[in-house]
Amino acid sequence: MYSTDMDPEVAQWVEMLRSTELDERLVAVKTLQHLGDEDAIEPLIGALYDESPMVQEIAITSLWEFANPVAINPLMDCLGSAHENVRNEALSALKELVSTNDLMKLLDLLQTGNVHAQLNVLVLLRKIHDAQALPYILPFFQSENPDLREAAVTTLRYLNQVVRCEPALSLAKDPVEAVRRATTLTLGHLSDEGVVALLCDLLTNDADWQVRRNAAQSLDLLAEAQSIPALVQAMEDPEWQVRKFTARALQKVADERAMPALIKALTDDYSDVRRDAATALGKLSNPDALPALHQTLHDPDMDVRIFSQRAIDAIQKSMPEASHV
């Protein structure tokens, strides 16, 4: 029974939620959503367990709009639903509603055998960032389900103060491309011994171009001089996105060894590569790059011209006054 002091208009729709007719329950749950009366929260929580996934989904959306913490635990129960729309709506709601106070409940859910719930909890843990989750995430690196391996290694990079995690390194050689892609990005946030060498190997040898691109992005984050030979080699990669992010990484670690490859990249077919190569040359502060940069001032792409001029200005600024001609 509903509360005796409930608004009669709300009460009639709450009563209709108990109807055996699906159409009536759908009308009721939609109307309660539009009324926005907090007296409807409890009945809407009850509707999360309706036999109809359509009713469940609308109830989730309604509770999301109320943003009342009392609904968080019941919404978590929906993360393992057999119905994709229900799971997705619950996940979207909880991304906004969960906080550190909900960590233990999420970790409990992570230990259930429901793959849908586990995948969704791994996503939600990225919002909470708590390193306490690490021991609960590690077992998923060995999961037979590649989606769980990918989700777990992705979540790892969001955990505060976790800078070492040797078990994650083995996933860089996972047979599934999606897992390797996620792992390669995560490696950029770790400082385990061997991470840079592993990323250099992925950048130059992995068969998947997205893994190679991600390796360049991670090497950009780490900015280690030992990556220079691999980065120089990757400037010849057949995929332009790999060349682009490699040029960006070379902006972080200015090294003369990269200059010939960067000058060559000023004539790359893709303007993004030409632009980032010009910027990297500017970081080198080597006047020998000026003739090639001056030629790019006539590049058909405006961004390339702008960034080339900036690179020229940076190099000239670093030169002795007398040589500014």
C-alpha atoms as a PDB file:
ATOM      1  CA  MET A   1       0.000   0.000   0.000  1.00  0.00           C
ATOM      2  CA  TYR A   2       1.086   3.550  -0.666  1.00  0.00           C
ATOM      3  CA  SER A   3       1.412   6.155   2.068  1.00  0.00           C
ATOM      4  CA  THR A   4      -1.879   7.698   3.208  1.00  0.00           C
ATOM      5  CA  ASP A   5      -0.415  11.205   2.857  1.00  0.00           C
ATOM      6  CA  MET A   6       0.631  10.615  -0.753  1.00  0.00           C
ATOM      7  CA  ASP A   7      -0.733  13.074  -3.277  1.00  0.00           C
ATOM      8  CA  PRO A   8      -3.894  11.462  -4.682  1.00  0.00           C
ATOM      9  CA  GLU A   9      -2.757  12.149  -8.254  1.00  0.00           C
ATOM     10  CA  VAL A  10       0.498  10.288  -7.590  1.00  0.00           C
ATOM     11  CA  ALA A  11      -1.318   7.553  -5.670  1.00  0.00           C
ATOM     12  CA  GLN A  12      -3.571   6.591  -8.573  1.00  0.00           C
ATOM     13  CA  TRP A  13      -0.582   6.001 -10.861  1.00  0.00           C
ATOM     14  CA  VAL A  14       1.280   4.109  -8.159  1.00  0.00           C
ATOM     15  CA  GLU A  15      -1.735   1.854  -7.863  1.00  0.00           C
ATOM     16  CA  MET A  16      -1.782   1.343 -11.625  1.00  0.00           C
ATOM     17  CA  LEU A  17       1.838   0.133 -11.462  1.00  0.00           C
ATOM     18  CA  ARG A  18       0.409  -3.035  -9.901  1.00  0.00           C
ATOM     19  CA  SER A  19      -1.847  -3.703 -12.891  1.00  0.00           C
ATOM     20  CA  THR A  20      -1.578  -7.026 -14.675  1.00  0.00           C
ATOM     21  CA  GLU A  21      -1.823  -5.151 -17.988  1.00  0.00           C
ATOM     22  CA  LEU A  22       1.509  -4.077 -19.453  1.00  0.00           C
ATOM     23  CA  ASP A  23       0.034  -1.070 -21.266  1.00  0.00           C
ATOM     24  CA  GLU A  24      -1.363   0.271 -17.989  1.00  0.00           C
ATOM     25  CA  ARG A  25       1.929  -0.195 -16.173  1.00  0.00           C
ATOM     26  CA  LEU A  26       3.754   1.588 -18.987  1.00  0.00           C
ATOM     27  CA  VAL A  27       1.361   4.530 -18.793  1.00  0.00           C
ATOM     28  CA  ALA A  28       1.756   4.590 -15.020  1.00  0.00           C
ATOM     29  CA  VAL A  29       5.541   4.540 -14.964  1.00  0.00           C
ATOM     30  CA  LYS A  30       5.772   7.207 -17.682  1.00  0.00           C
ATOM     31  CA  THR A  31       3.313   9.439 -15.854  1.00  0.00           C
ATOM     32  CA  LEU A  32       5.194   9.079 -12.560  1.00  0.00           C
ATOM     33  CA  GLN A  33       8.347  10.074 -14.386  1.00  0.00           C
ATOM     34  CA  HIS A  34       6.716  13.255 -15.682  1.00  0.00           C
ATOM     35  CA  LEU A  35       5.126  14.129 -12.322  1.00  0.00           C
ATOM     36  CA  GLY A  36       8.529  14.075 -10.637  1.00  0.00           C
ATOM     37  CA  ASP A  37       7.070  13.604  -7.147  1.00  0.00           C
ATOM     38  CA  GLU A  38       9.511  12.046  -4.663  1.00  0.00           C
ATOM     39  CA  ASP A  39       6.693   9.952  -3.198  1.00  0.00           C
ATOM     40  CA  ALA A  40       7.063   7.896  -6.377  1.00  0.00           C
ATOM     41  CA  ILE A  41      10.647   6.846  -5.633  1.00  0.00           C
ATOM     42  CA  GLU A  42       9.762   3.733  -3.651  1.00  0.00           C
ATOM     43  CA  PRO A  43       7.170   2.503  -6.158  1.00  0.00           C
ATOM     44  CA  LEU A  44       9.618   3.162  -8.995  1.00  0.00           C
ATOM     45  CA  ILE A  45      12.247   1.094  -7.211  1.00  0.00           C
ATOM     46  CA  GLY A  46       9.656  -1.680  -7.091  1.00  0.00           C
ATOM     47  CA  ALA A  47       9.137  -1.253 -10.834  1.00  0.00           C
ATOM     48  CA  LEU A  48      12.801  -2.125 -11.414  1.00  0.00           C
ATOM     49  CA  TYR A  49      11.732  -5.719 -10.822  1.00  0.00           C
ATOM     50  CA  ASP A  50       8.780  -5.588 -13.221  1.00  0.00           C
ATOM     51  CA  GLU A  51       8.577  -8.498 -15.659  1.00  0.00           C
ATOM     52  CA  SER A  52       8.682  -6.033 -18.555  1.00  0.00           C
ATOM     53  CA  PRO A  53      12.101  -4.630 -19.514  1.00  0.00           C
ATOM     54  CA  MET A  54      10.341  -1.570 -20.962  1.00  0.00           C
ATOM     55  CA  VAL A  55       8.851  -0.753 -17.560  1.00  0.00           C
ATOM     56  CA  GLN A  56      12.215  -1.384 -15.917  1.00  0.00           C
ATOM     57  CA  GLU A  57      14.018   0.939 -18.308  1.00  0.00           C
ATOM     58  CA  ILE A  58      11.600   3.823 -17.772  1.00  0.00           C
ATOM     59  CA  ALA A  59      11.780   3.289 -14.011  1.00  0.00           C
ATOM     60  CA  ILE A  60      15.581   3.504 -14.195  1.00  0.00           C
ATOM     61  CA  THR A  61      15.400   6.747 -16.170  1.00  0.00           C
ATOM     62  CA  SER A  62      12.958   8.185 -13.623  1.00  0.00           C
ATOM     63  CA  LEU A  63      15.131   7.270 -10.651  1.00  0.00           C
ATOM     64  CA  TRP A  64      18.143   8.711 -12.458  1.00  0.00           C
ATOM     65  CA  GLU A  65      16.303  12.031 -12.722  1.00  0.00           C
ATOM     66  CA  PHE A  66      15.460  11.989  -9.001  1.00  0.00           C
ATOM     67  CA  ALA A  67      19.157  11.402  -8.203  1.00  0.00           C
ATOM     68  CA  ASN A  68      18.252  10.096  -4.756  1.00  0.00           C
ATOM     69  CA  PRO A  69      20.993   7.869  -3.239  1.00  0.00           C
ATOM     70  CA  VAL A  70      18.361   5.448  -1.945  1.00  0.00           C
ATOM     71  CA  ALA A  71      18.007   4.151  -5.508  1.00  0.00           C
ATOM     72  CA  ILE A  72      21.699   3.361  -6.028  1.00  0.00           C
ATOM     73  CA  ASN A  73      21.711  -0.194  -4.660  1.00  0.00           C
ATOM     74  CA  PRO A  74      18.544  -1.238  -6.499  1.00  0.00           C
ATOM     75  CA  LEU A  75      19.953   0.261  -9.698  1.00  0.00           C
ATOM     76  CA  MET A  76      23.102  -1.816  -9.218  1.00  0.00           C
ATOM     77  CA  ASP A  77      20.910  -4.911  -9.300  1.00  0.00           C
ATOM     78  CA  CYS A  78      20.012  -3.953 -12.868  1.00  0.00           C
ATOM     79  CA  LEU A  79      23.631  -4.039 -14.058  1.00  0.00           C
ATOM     80  CA  GLY A  80      23.408  -7.783 -14.574  1.00  0.00           C
ATOM     81  CA  SER A  81      20.043  -7.757 -16.315  1.00  0.00           C
ATOM     82  CA  ALA A  82      19.490 -10.132 -19.214  1.00  0.00           C
ATOM     83  CA  HIS A  83      18.191  -7.140 -21.191  1.00  0.00           C
ATOM     84  CA  GLU A  84      20.829  -4.917 -22.807  1.00  0.00           C
ATOM     85  CA  ASN A  85      18.739  -1.729 -22.755  1.00  0.00           C
ATOM     86  CA  VAL A  86      18.089  -2.154 -19.041  1.00  0.00           C
ATOM     87  CA  ARG A  87      21.782  -2.721 -18.316  1.00  0.00           C
ATOM     88  CA  ASN A  88      22.867   0.249 -20.401  1.00  0.00           C
ATOM     89  CA  GLU A  89      20.343   2.618 -18.831  1.00  0.00           C
ATOM     90  CA  ALA A  90      21.335   1.507 -15.325  1.00  0.00           C
ATOM     91  CA  LEU A  91      25.003   1.983 -16.155  1.00  0.00           C
ATOM     92  CA  SER A  92      24.373   5.487 -17.519  1.00  0.00           C
ATOM     93  CA  ALA A  93      22.429   6.423 -14.381  1.00  0.00           C
ATOM     94  CA  LEU A  94      25.013   5.014 -12.009  1.00  0.00           C
ATOM     95  CA  LYS A  95      27.872   6.776 -13.779  1.00  0.00           C
ATOM     96  CA  GLU A  96      26.336   9.970 -12.397  1.00  0.00           C
ATOM     97  CA  LEU A  97      25.081   8.642  -9.073  1.00  0.00           C
ATOM     98  CA  VAL A  98      27.811   6.416  -7.606  1.00  0.00           C
ATOM     99  CA  SER A  99      30.468   7.760  -5.244  1.00  0.00           C
ATOM    100  CA  THR A 100      33.240   6.400  -3.070  1.00  0.00           C
ATOM    101  CA  ASN A 101      30.565   5.428  -0.543  1.00  0.00           C
ATOM    102  CA  ASP A 102      29.413   2.732  -2.969  1.00  0.00           C
ATOM    103  CA  LEU A 103      32.821   1.118  -3.478  1.00  0.00           C
ATOM    104  CA  MET A 104      32.275  -1.955  -1.297  1.00  0.00           C
ATOM    105  CA  LYS A 105      28.926  -2.748  -2.890  1.00  0.00           C
ATOM    106  CA  LEU A 106      30.533  -2.515  -6.337  1.00  0.00           C
ATOM    107  CA  LEU A 107      33.384  -4.784  -5.286  1.00  0.00           C
ATOM    108  CA  ASP A 108      30.855  -7.311  -3.992  1.00  0.00           C
ATOM    109  CA  LEU A 109      29.093  -7.250  -7.352  1.00  0.00           C
ATOM    110  CA  LEU A 110      32.416  -7.756  -9.086  1.00  0.00           C
ATOM    111  CA  GLN A 111      32.735 -11.135  -7.425  1.00  0.00           C
ATOM    112  CA  THR A 112      29.457 -12.475  -8.755  1.00  0.00           C
ATOM    113  CA  GLY A 113      29.476 -14.781 -11.745  1.00  0.00           C
ATOM    114  CA  ASN A 114      27.381 -12.426 -13.854  1.00  0.00           C
ATOM    115  CA  VAL A 115      29.567 -11.221 -16.742  1.00  0.00           C
ATOM    116  CA  HIS A 116      27.249  -8.315 -17.572  1.00  0.00           C
ATOM    117  CA  ALA A 117      27.407  -7.038 -13.996  1.00  0.00           C
ATOM    118  CA  GLN A 118      31.175  -7.503 -13.854  1.00  0.00           C
ATOM    119  CA  LEU A 119      31.749  -5.553 -17.066  1.00  0.00           C
ATOM    120  CA  ASN A 120      29.535  -2.710 -15.887  1.00  0.00           C
ATOM    121  CA  VAL A 121      31.129  -2.577 -12.444  1.00  0.00           C
ATOM    122  CA  LEU A 122      34.584  -2.373 -14.019  1.00  0.00           C
ATOM    123  CA  VAL A 123      33.343   0.679 -15.915  1.00  0.00           C
ATOM    124  CA  LEU A 124      31.909   2.286 -12.767  1.00  0.00           C
ATOM    125  CA  LEU A 125      35.129   1.773 -10.832  1.00  0.00           C
ATOM    126  CA  ARG A 126      36.774   4.188 -13.265  1.00  0.00           C
ATOM    127  CA  LYS A 127      34.713   6.980 -11.758  1.00  0.00           C
ATOM    128  CA  ILE A 128      35.657   6.156  -8.181  1.00  0.00           C
ATOM    129  CA  HIS A 129      39.422   5.866  -8.888  1.00  0.00           C
ATOM    130  CA  ASP A 130      40.091   4.012  -5.623  1.00  0.00           C
ATOM    131  CA  ALA A 131      43.255   1.887  -5.494  1.00  0.00           C
ATOM    132  CA  GLN A 132      41.473  -0.461  -3.060  1.00  0.00           C
ATOM    133  CA  ALA A 133      39.850  -1.964  -6.147  1.00  0.00           C
ATOM    134  CA  LEU A 134      43.167  -3.229  -7.542  1.00  0.00           C
ATOM    135  CA  PRO A 135      43.170  -6.682  -5.862  1.00  0.00           C
ATOM    136  CA  TYR A 136      39.641  -7.244  -7.146  1.00  0.00           C
ATOM    137  CA  ILE A 137      40.576  -6.263 -10.697  1.00  0.00           C
ATOM    138  CA  LEU A 138      43.746  -8.343 -11.030  1.00  0.00           C
ATOM    139  CA  PRO A 139      42.003 -11.754 -11.386  1.00  0.00           C
ATOM    140  CA  PHE A 140      40.237 -10.510 -14.520  1.00  0.00           C
ATOM    141  CA  PHE A 141      43.585 -10.212 -16.318  1.00  0.00           C
ATOM    142  CA  GLN A 142      43.467 -14.022 -16.465  1.00  0.00           C
ATOM    143  CA  SER A 143      39.801 -14.255 -17.489  1.00  0.00           C
ATOM    144  CA  GLU A 144      38.871 -16.444 -20.422  1.00  0.00           C
ATOM    145  CA  ASN A 145      36.533 -13.666 -21.527  1.00  0.00           C
ATOM    146  CA  PRO A 146      38.484 -11.079 -23.585  1.00  0.00           C
ATOM    147  CA  ASP A 147      35.882  -8.392 -22.836  1.00  0.00           C
ATOM    148  CA  LEU A 148      36.631  -8.763 -19.126  1.00  0.00           C
ATOM    149  CA  ARG A 149      40.387  -8.647 -19.743  1.00  0.00           C
ATOM    150  CA  GLU A 150      39.981  -5.492 -21.803  1.00  0.00           C
ATOM    151  CA  ALA A 151      37.673  -3.825 -19.267  1.00  0.00           C
ATOM    152  CA  ALA A 152      39.944  -4.707 -16.353  1.00  0.00           C
ATOM    153  CA  VAL A 153      43.149  -3.391 -17.906  1.00  0.00           C
ATOM    154  CA  THR A 154      41.324  -0.224 -18.966  1.00  0.00           C
ATOM    155  CA  THR A 155      40.041   0.326 -15.413  1.00  0.00           C
ATOM    156  CA  LEU A 156      43.579  -0.086 -14.085  1.00  0.00           C
ATOM    157  CA  ARG A 157      44.687   3.194 -15.654  1.00  0.00           C
ATOM    158  CA  TYR A 158      41.981   5.095 -13.725  1.00  0.00           C
ATOM    159  CA  LEU A 159      43.044   3.950 -10.258  1.00  0.00           C
ATOM    160  CA  ASN A 160      44.725   6.662  -8.206  1.00  0.00           C
ATOM    161  CA  GLN A 161      48.366   6.155  -7.207  1.00  0.00           C
ATOM    162  CA  VAL A 162      48.723   2.814  -9.010  1.00  0.00           C
ATOM    163  CA  VAL A 163      51.946   3.225 -10.981  1.00  0.00           C
ATOM    164  CA  ARG A 164      53.210  -0.343 -10.892  1.00  0.00           C
ATOM    165  CA  CYS A 165      51.301  -3.427 -11.943  1.00  0.00           C
ATOM    166  CA  GLU A 166      53.520  -6.080 -13.446  1.00  0.00           C
ATOM    167  CA  PRO A 167      50.650  -8.538 -14.177  1.00  0.00           C
ATOM    168  CA  ALA A 168      49.255  -6.041 -16.680  1.00  0.00           C
ATOM    169  CA  LEU A 169      52.354  -6.195 -18.862  1.00  0.00           C
ATOM    170  CA  SER A 170      51.603  -9.715 -20.088  1.00  0.00           C
ATOM    171  CA  LEU A 171      48.357  -8.468 -21.660  1.00  0.00           C
ATOM    172  CA  ALA A 172      50.429  -6.481 -24.164  1.00  0.00           C
ATOM    173  CA  LYS A 173      50.890  -9.779 -25.992  1.00  0.00           C
ATOM    174  CA  ASP A 174      47.255 -10.865 -25.688  1.00  0.00           C
ATOM    175  CA  PRO A 175      45.956 -12.691 -28.796  1.00  0.00           C
ATOM    176  CA  VAL A 176      42.932 -10.375 -28.948  1.00  0.00           C
ATOM    177  CA  GLU A 177      43.593  -7.003 -30.573  1.00  0.00           C
ATOM    178  CA  ALA A 178      41.110  -5.083 -28.412  1.00  0.00           C
ATOM    179  CA  VAL A 179      42.872  -6.260 -25.258  1.00  0.00           C
ATOM    180  CA  ARG A 180      46.290  -5.253 -26.624  1.00  0.00           C
ATOM    181  CA  ARG A 181      44.946  -1.835 -27.619  1.00  0.00           C
ATOM    182  CA  ALA A 182      43.601  -1.176 -24.119  1.00  0.00           C
ATOM    183  CA  THR A 183      46.734  -2.528 -22.473  1.00  0.00           C
ATOM    184  CA  THR A 184      49.003  -0.377 -24.617  1.00  0.00           C
ATOM    185  CA  LEU A 185      47.213   2.774 -23.482  1.00  0.00           C
ATOM    186  CA  THR A 186      47.356   1.669 -19.846  1.00  0.00           C
ATOM    187  CA  LEU A 187      51.110   1.058 -20.043  1.00  0.00           C
ATOM    188  CA  GLY A 188      51.595   4.790 -20.509  1.00  0.00           C
ATOM    189  CA  HIS A 189      50.420   5.252 -16.908  1.00  0.00           C
ATOM    190  CA  LEU A 190      52.749   2.645 -15.392  1.00  0.00           C
ATOM    191  CA  SER A 191      56.425   2.809 -14.412  1.00  0.00           C
ATOM    192  CA  ASP A 192      57.239  -0.891 -14.124  1.00  0.00           C
ATOM    193  CA  GLU A 193      60.673  -1.890 -15.329  1.00  0.00           C
ATOM    194  CA  GLY A 194      60.471  -2.860 -18.965  1.00  0.00           C
ATOM    195  CA  VAL A 195      57.401  -0.776 -19.838  1.00  0.00           C
ATOM    196  CA  VAL A 196      59.228   1.538 -22.246  1.00  0.00           C
ATOM    197  CA  ALA A 197      60.991  -1.343 -23.989  1.00  0.00           C
ATOM    198  CA  LEU A 198      57.681  -3.180 -24.303  1.00  0.00           C
ATOM    199  CA  LEU A 199      55.984  -0.126 -25.794  1.00  0.00           C
ATOM    200  CA  CYS A 200      58.840   0.335 -28.259  1.00  0.00           C
ATOM    201  CA  ASP A 201      58.394  -3.259 -29.373  1.00  0.00           C
ATOM    202  CA  LEU A 202      54.648  -2.772 -29.777  1.00  0.00           C
ATOM    203  CA  LEU A 203      55.196   0.465 -31.709  1.00  0.00           C
ATOM    204  CA  THR A 204      57.515  -1.128 -34.241  1.00  0.00           C
ATOM    205  CA  ASN A 205      56.316  -4.729 -34.426  1.00  0.00           C
ATOM    206  CA  ASP A 206      52.649  -5.166 -33.558  1.00  0.00           C
ATOM    207  CA  ALA A 207      50.505  -6.198 -36.532  1.00  0.00           C
ATOM    208  CA  ASP A 208      47.591  -4.001 -35.439  1.00  0.00           C
ATOM    209  CA  TRP A 209      47.987  -0.342 -36.395  1.00  0.00           C
ATOM    210  CA  GLN A 210      45.792   0.809 -33.511  1.00  0.00           C
ATOM    211  CA  VAL A 211      48.115  -0.915 -31.053  1.00  0.00           C
ATOM    212  CA  ARG A 212      51.052   0.861 -32.700  1.00  0.00           C
ATOM    213  CA  ARG A 213      49.229   4.195 -32.517  1.00  0.00           C
ATOM    214  CA  ASN A 214      48.403   3.631 -28.841  1.00  0.00           C
ATOM    215  CA  ALA A 215      52.031   2.731 -28.166  1.00  0.00           C
ATOM    216  CA  ALA A 216      53.079   6.096 -29.612  1.00  0.00           C
ATOM    217  CA  GLN A 217      50.552   7.850 -27.373  1.00  0.00           C
ATOM    218  CA  SER A 218      51.848   6.046 -24.295  1.00  0.00           C
ATOM    219  CA  LEU A 219      55.467   6.807 -25.172  1.00  0.00           C
ATOM    220  CA  ASP A 220      54.390  10.430 -25.491  1.00  0.00           C
ATOM    221  CA  LEU A 221      53.143  10.304 -21.890  1.00  0.00           C
ATOM    222  CA  LEU A 222      56.284   8.620 -20.570  1.00  0.00           C
ATOM    223  CA  ALA A 223      58.707  10.865 -22.497  1.00  0.00           C
ATOM    224  CA  GLU A 224      61.730   8.588 -22.112  1.00  0.00           C
ATOM    225  CA  ALA A 225      64.865   9.111 -24.199  1.00  0.00           C
ATOM    226  CA  GLN A 226      65.322   5.357 -24.692  1.00  0.00           C
ATOM    227  CA  SER A 227      62.246   5.377 -26.946  1.00  0.00           C
ATOM    228  CA  ILE A 228      63.903   7.612 -29.582  1.00  0.00           C
ATOM    229  CA  PRO A 229      65.182   4.854 -31.929  1.00  0.00           C
ATOM    230  CA  ALA A 230      61.752   3.181 -32.014  1.00  0.00           C
ATOM    231  CA  LEU A 231      60.000   6.514 -32.536  1.00  0.00           C
ATOM    232  CA  VAL A 232      62.325   7.410 -35.406  1.00  0.00           C
ATOM    233  CA  GLN A 233      61.599   4.046 -37.002  1.00  0.00           C
ATOM    234  CA  ALA A 234      57.854   4.538 -36.520  1.00  0.00           C
ATOM    235  CA  MET A 235      57.942   7.766 -38.523  1.00  0.00           C
ATOM    236  CA  GLU A 236      58.043   5.397 -41.528  1.00  0.00           C
ATOM    237  CA  ASP A 237      54.925   3.501 -40.409  1.00  0.00           C
ATOM    238  CA  PRO A 238      52.446   2.881 -43.263  1.00  0.00           C
ATOM    239  CA  GLU A 239      49.537   4.219 -41.150  1.00  0.00           C
ATOM    240  CA  TRP A 240      49.325   7.993 -40.915  1.00  0.00           C
ATOM    241  CA  GLN A 241      47.824   8.011 -37.412  1.00  0.00           C
ATOM    242  CA  VAL A 242      50.858   6.127 -36.133  1.00  0.00           C
ATOM    243  CA  ARG A 243      53.142   8.683 -37.775  1.00  0.00           C
ATOM    244  CA  LYS A 244      51.074  11.536 -36.343  1.00  0.00           C
ATOM    245  CA  PHE A 245      51.235  10.365 -32.726  1.00  0.00           C
ATOM    246  CA  THR A 246      54.873   9.391 -33.137  1.00  0.00           C
ATOM    247  CA  ALA A 247      55.651  12.960 -34.210  1.00  0.00           C
ATOM    248  CA  ARG A 248      53.812  14.179 -31.118  1.00  0.00           C
ATOM    249  CA  ALA A 249      55.893  11.892 -28.913  1.00  0.00           C
ATOM    250  CA  LEU A 250      59.029  13.317 -30.524  1.00  0.00           C
ATOM    251  CA  GLN A 251      57.896  16.779 -29.417  1.00  0.00           C
ATOM    252  CA  LYS A 252      58.179  15.633 -25.802  1.00  0.00           C
ATOM    253  CA  VAL A 253      61.669  14.113 -26.100  1.00  0.00           C
ATOM    254  CA  ALA A 254      63.616  16.516 -28.278  1.00  0.00           C
ATOM    255  CA  ASP A 255      66.517  14.557 -29.754  1.00  0.00           C
ATOM    256  CA  GLU A 256      68.720  15.400 -32.721  1.00  0.00           C
ATOM    257  CA  ARG A 257      68.540  11.772 -33.916  1.00  0.00           C
ATOM    258  CA  ALA A 258      64.941  12.402 -34.931  1.00  0.00           C
ATOM    259  CA  MET A 259      65.636  15.430 -37.130  1.00  0.00           C
ATOM    260  CA  PRO A 260      66.087  13.642 -40.502  1.00  0.00           C
ATOM    261  CA  ALA A 261      62.873  11.667 -40.016  1.00  0.00           C
ATOM    262  CA  LEU A 262      60.984  14.804 -38.968  1.00  0.00           C
ATOM    263  CA  ILE A 263      62.255  16.817 -41.938  1.00  0.00           C
ATOM    264  CA  LYS A 264      61.144  14.012 -44.246  1.00  0.00           C
ATOM    265  CA  ALA A 265      57.721  14.063 -42.558  1.00  0.00           C
ATOM    266  CA  LEU A 266      57.240  17.701 -43.596  1.00  0.00           C
ATOM    267  CA  THR A 267      56.293  16.293 -47.016  1.00  0.00           C
ATOM    268  CA  ASP A 268      53.974  13.599 -45.635  1.00  0.00           C
ATOM    269  CA  ASP A 269      50.699  13.064 -47.509  1.00  0.00           C
ATOM    270  CA  TYR A 270      48.729  13.883 -44.342  1.00  0.00           C
ATOM    271  CA  SER A 271      48.635  17.424 -43.008  1.00  0.00           C
ATOM    272  CA  ASP A 272      48.346  16.291 -39.370  1.00  0.00           C
ATOM    273  CA  VAL A 273      51.702  14.534 -39.698  1.00  0.00           C
ATOM    274  CA  ARG A 274      53.298  17.562 -41.379  1.00  0.00           C
ATOM    275  CA  ARG A 275      51.982  19.894 -38.684  1.00  0.00           C
ATOM    276  CA  ASP A 276      53.189  17.759 -35.761  1.00  0.00           C
ATOM    277  CA  ALA A 277      56.555  17.157 -37.428  1.00  0.00           C
ATOM    278  CA  ALA A 278      57.013  20.916 -37.797  1.00  0.00           C
ATOM    279  CA  THR A 279      56.226  21.414 -34.112  1.00  0.00           C
ATOM    280  CA  ALA A 280      58.708  18.696 -33.138  1.00  0.00           C
ATOM    281  CA  LEU A 281      61.409  20.366 -35.243  1.00  0.00           C
ATOM    282  CA  GLY A 282      60.740  23.630 -33.440  1.00  0.00           C
ATOM    283  CA  LYS A 283      61.438  21.878 -30.132  1.00  0.00           C
ATOM    284  CA  LEU A 284      64.873  20.795 -31.405  1.00  0.00           C
ATOM    285  CA  SER A 285      65.997  24.429 -31.743  1.00  0.00           C
ATOM    286  CA  ASN A 286      68.360  23.397 -34.520  1.00  0.00           C
ATOM    287  CA  PRO A 287      68.817  26.024 -37.268  1.00  0.00           C
ATOM    288  CA  ASP A 288      69.610  23.268 -39.760  1.00  0.00           C
ATOM    289  CA  ALA A 289      65.858  22.586 -39.864  1.00  0.00           C
ATOM    290  CA  LEU A 290      65.036  26.134 -41.007  1.00  0.00           C
ATOM    291  CA  PRO A 291      65.338  25.620 -44.797  1.00  0.00           C
ATOM    292  CA  ALA A 292      62.891  22.700 -44.732  1.00  0.00           C
ATOM    293  CA  LEU A 293      60.516  24.588 -42.453  1.00  0.00           C
ATOM    294  CA  HIS A 294      60.595  27.664 -44.697  1.00  0.00           C
ATOM    295  CA  GLN A 295      59.439  25.497 -47.593  1.00  0.00           C
ATOM    296  CA  THR A 296      56.350  24.459 -45.629  1.00  0.00           C
ATOM    297  CA  LEU A 297      55.246  28.089 -45.337  1.00  0.00           C
ATOM    298  CA  HIS A 298      53.633  27.474 -48.732  1.00  0.00           C
ATOM    299  CA  ASP A 299      51.875  24.290 -47.578  1.00  0.00           C
ATOM    300  CA  PRO A 300      48.277  24.039 -48.844  1.00  0.00           C
ATOM    301  CA  ASP A 301      47.072  23.440 -45.268  1.00  0.00           C
ATOM    302  CA  MET A 302      46.734  26.555 -43.123  1.00  0.00           C
ATOM    303  CA  ASP A 303      47.503  24.737 -39.857  1.00  0.00           C
ATOM    304  CA  VAL A 304      50.767  23.430 -41.284  1.00  0.00           C
ATOM    305  CA  ARG A 305      51.762  26.965 -42.299  1.00  0.00           C
ATOM    306  CA  ILE A 306      50.868  28.343 -38.858  1.00  0.00           C
ATOM    307  CA  PHE A 307      52.727  25.648 -36.911  1.00  0.00           C
ATOM    308  CA  SER A 308      55.715  25.817 -39.226  1.00  0.00           C
ATOM    309  CA  GLN A 309      55.979  29.557 -38.644  1.00  0.00           C
ATOM    310  CA  ARG A 310      55.805  28.963 -34.899  1.00  0.00           C
ATOM    311  CA  ALA A 311      58.587  26.396 -35.191  1.00  0.00           C
ATOM    312  CA  ILE A 312      60.696  28.834 -37.216  1.00  0.00           C
ATOM    313  CA  ASP A 313      60.106  31.566 -34.619  1.00  0.00           C
ATOM    314  CA  ALA A 314      61.071  29.191 -31.798  1.00  0.00           C
ATOM    315  CA  ILE A 315      64.316  28.184 -33.521  1.00  0.00           C
ATOM    316  CA  GLN A 316      65.235  31.769 -34.364  1.00  0.00           C
ATOM    317  CA  LYS A 317      64.517  32.866 -30.816  1.00  0.00           C
ATOM    318  CA  SER A 318      66.993  30.286 -29.533  1.00  0.00           C
ATOM    319  CA  MET A 319      69.733  31.504 -31.880  1.00  0.00           C
ATOM    320  CA  PRO A 320      72.265  34.253 -31.079  1.00  0.00           C
ATOM    321  CA  GLU A 321      70.953  37.700 -31.960  1.00  0.00           C
ATOM    322  CA  ALA A 322      73.461  38.233 -34.724  1.00  0.00           C
ATOM    323  CA  SER A 323      72.232  35.237 -36.673  1.00  0.00           C
ATOM    324  CA  HIS A 324      68.626  36.390 -36.836  1.00  0.00           C
ATOM    325  CA  VAL A 325      68.569  37.168 -40.500  1.00  0.00           C
END
